[in-house]
PDB file of N, CA and C in Angstrom:
ATOM      1  N   MET A   1     142.047 216.589   3.347  1.00  0.00           N
ATOM      2  CA  MET A   1     142.234 215.160   3.920  1.00  0.00           C
ATOM      3  C   MET A   1     141.758 214.362   2.631  1.00  0.00           C
ATOM      4  N   ASN A   2     142.188 213.175   2.449  1.00  0.00           N
ATOM      5  CA  ASN A   2     141.891 212.268   1.352  1.00  0.00           C
ATOM      6  C   ASN A   2     140.644 211.318   2.041  1.00  0.00           C
ATOM      7  N   THR A   3     140.243 210.399   1.077  1.00  0.00           N
ATOM      8  CA  THR A   3     139.384 209.521   1.641  1.00  0.00           C
ATOM      9  C   THR A   3     140.072 208.455   2.329  1.00  0.00           C
ATOM     10  N   HIS A   4     141.145 207.959   2.180  1.00  0.00           N
ATOM     11  CA  HIS A   4     141.841 207.122   3.144  1.00  0.00           C
ATOM     12  C   HIS A   4     142.197 207.514   4.396  1.00  0.00           C
ATOM     13  N   ARG A   5     142.421 208.782   4.738  1.00  0.00           N
ATOM     14  CA  ARG A   5     142.524 209.076   5.897  1.00  0.00           C
ATOM     15  C   ARG A   5     141.157 209.449   6.719  1.00  0.00           C
ATOM     16  N   ILE A   6     140.401 209.778   6.117  1.00  0.00           N
ATOM     17  CA  ILE A   6     138.720 209.784   6.763  1.00  0.00           C
ATOM     18  C   ILE A   6     138.575 208.325   7.326  1.00  0.00           C
ATOM     19  N   VAL A   7     138.597 207.171   6.396  1.00  0.00           N
ATOM     20  CA  VAL A   7     138.033 205.860   6.749  1.00  0.00           C
ATOM     21  C   VAL A   7     138.974 205.616   7.841  1.00  0.00           C
ATOM     22  N   SER A   8     140.470 205.996   7.852  1.00  0.00           N
ATOM     23  CA  SER A   8     140.920 205.478   8.805  1.00  0.00           C
ATOM     24  C   SER A   8     140.632 205.723  10.100  1.00  0.00           C
ATOM     25  N   CYS A   9     140.084 207.356  10.241  1.00  0.00           N
ATOM     26  CA  CYS A   9     139.720 208.044  11.132  1.00  0.00           C
ATOM     27  C   CYS A   9     138.498 207.577  11.861  1.00  0.00           C
ATOM     28  N   LEU A  10     137.397 207.390  10.853  1.00  0.00           N
ATOM     29  CA  LEU A  10     136.524 206.615  11.459  1.00  0.00           C
ATOM     30  C   LEU A  10     136.495 205.169  11.798  1.00  0.00           C
ATOM     31  N   SER A  11     137.406 204.270  11.467  1.00  0.00           N
ATOM     32  CA  SER A  11     137.648 202.994  11.907  1.00  0.00           C
ATOM     33  C   SER A  11     138.241 203.312  13.443  1.00  0.00           C
ATOM     34  N   MET A  12     139.181 203.988  13.581  1.00  0.00           N
ATOM     35  CA  MET A  12     139.571 204.249  14.887  1.00  0.00           C
ATOM     36  C   MET A  12     138.758 204.578  15.790  1.00  0.00           C
ATOM     37  N   ARG A  13     137.866 205.307  15.400  1.00  0.00           N
ATOM     38  CA  ARG A  13     136.801 206.174  16.405  1.00  0.00           C
ATOM     39  C   ARG A  13     136.074 204.814  16.640  1.00  0.00           C
ATOM     40  N   ASN A  14     135.674 204.014  15.814  1.00  0.00           N
ATOM     41  CA  ASN A  14     134.747 202.711  15.940  1.00  0.00           C
ATOM     42  C   ASN A  14     135.055 201.719  16.932  1.00  0.00           C
ATOM     43  N   SER A  15     136.427 201.670  16.663  1.00  0.00           N
ATOM     44  CA  SER A  15     137.335 200.503  17.584  1.00  0.00           C
ATOM     45  C   SER A  15     137.625 200.970  18.674  1.00  0.00           C
ATOM     46  N   ALA A  16     137.715 201.948  18.991  1.00  0.00           N
ATOM     47  CA  ALA A  16     138.350 202.914  20.143  1.00  0.00           C
ATOM     48  C   ALA A  16     137.456 202.110  21.479  1.00  0.00           C
ATOM     49  N   ALA A  17     138.088 201.902  22.505  1.00  0.00           N
ATOM     50  CA  ALA A  17     137.231 201.408  23.621  1.00  0.00           C
ATOM     51  C   ALA A  17     136.781 202.791  24.568  1.00  0.00           C
ATOM     52  N   SER A  18     137.669 203.690  24.800  1.00  0.00           N
ATOM     53  CA  SER A  18     137.235 204.763  25.287  1.00  0.00           C
ATOM     54  C   SER A  18     137.296 205.992  24.315  1.00  0.00           C
ATOM     55  N   PRO A  19     136.026 206.901  24.560  1.00  0.00           N
ATOM     56  CA  PRO A  19     135.568 207.982  23.942  1.00  0.00           C
ATOM     57  C   PRO A  19     136.331 208.742  24.013  1.00  0.00           C
ATOM     58  N   SER A  20     137.038 209.294  24.961  1.00  0.00           N
ATOM     59  CA  SER A  20     137.764 210.256  25.290  1.00  0.00           C
ATOM     60  C   SER A  20     139.270 210.007  24.495  1.00  0.00           C
ATOM     61  N   TYR A  21     139.716 208.745  24.766  1.00  0.00           N
ATOM     62  CA  TYR A  21     141.049 208.364  24.224  1.00  0.00           C
ATOM     63  C   TYR A  21     140.870 208.221  22.458  1.00  0.00           C
ATOM     64  N   ALA A  22     139.699 207.895  22.205  1.00  0.00           N
ATOM     65  CA  ALA A  22     139.242 208.162  20.649  1.00  0.00           C
ATOM     66  C   ALA A  22     139.236 209.433  20.425  1.00  0.00           C
ATOM     67  N   TYR A  23     138.667 210.258  20.817  1.00  0.00           N
ATOM     68  CA  TYR A  23     138.853 211.802  20.554  1.00  0.00           C
ATOM     69  C   TYR A  23     140.013 212.177  20.254  1.00  0.00           C
ATOM     70  N   SER A  24     141.000 212.183  21.451  1.00  0.00           N
ATOM     71  CA  SER A  24     142.202 212.339  21.407  1.00  0.00           C
ATOM     72  C   SER A  24     143.216 212.003  20.236  1.00  0.00           C
ATOM     73  N   HIS A  25     142.838 210.617  20.056  1.00  0.00           N
ATOM     74  CA  HIS A  25     143.685 209.949  19.133  1.00  0.00           C
ATOM     75  C   HIS A  25     143.493 210.588  17.620  1.00  0.00           C
ATOM     76  N   ILE A  26     141.967 210.493  17.366  1.00  0.00           N
ATOM     77  CA  ILE A  26     141.421 210.854  16.098  1.00  0.00           C
ATOM     78  C   ILE A  26     141.875 212.548  15.818  1.00  0.00           C
ATOM     79  N   HIS A  27     141.825 213.451  16.874  1.00  0.00           N
ATOM     80  CA  HIS A  27     142.103 214.719  16.555  1.00  0.00           C
ATOM     81  C   HIS A  27     143.760 215.058  16.054  1.00  0.00           C
ATOM     82  N   ALA A  28     144.445 214.052  16.953  1.00  0.00           N
ATOM     83  CA  ALA A  28     146.062 213.933  16.467  1.00  0.00           C
ATOM     84  C   ALA A  28     146.303 213.413  14.901  1.00  0.00           C
ATOM     85  N   PHE A  29     145.452 212.175  14.807  1.00  0.00           N
ATOM     86  CA  PHE A  29     145.668 212.096  13.381  1.00  0.00           C
ATOM     87  C   PHE A  29     145.196 212.623  12.472  1.00  0.00           C
ATOM     88  N   CYS A  30     144.057 213.071  12.672  1.00  0.00           N
ATOM     89  CA  CYS A  30     143.024 213.796  11.629  1.00  0.00           C
ATOM     90  C   CYS A  30     143.105 215.476  11.456  1.00  0.00           C
ATOM     91  N   SER A  31     143.844 215.950  12.475  1.00  0.00           N
ATOM     92  CA  SER A  31     144.141 217.431  12.398  1.00  0.00           C
ATOM     93  C   SER A  31     144.903 217.996  10.949  1.00  0.00           C
TER      94      SER A  31
END
C-alpha cells in the first residue's frame, strides 16, 4: 500500500457513520 491509500482508508474510517459499514468498506478498499 502507498501513503495515499492509507490516508484514504483512514479518512473513510473517520467519516463513516456506521462502524460495521466502515470496516467492510475499508477492508474492501484496503485489502
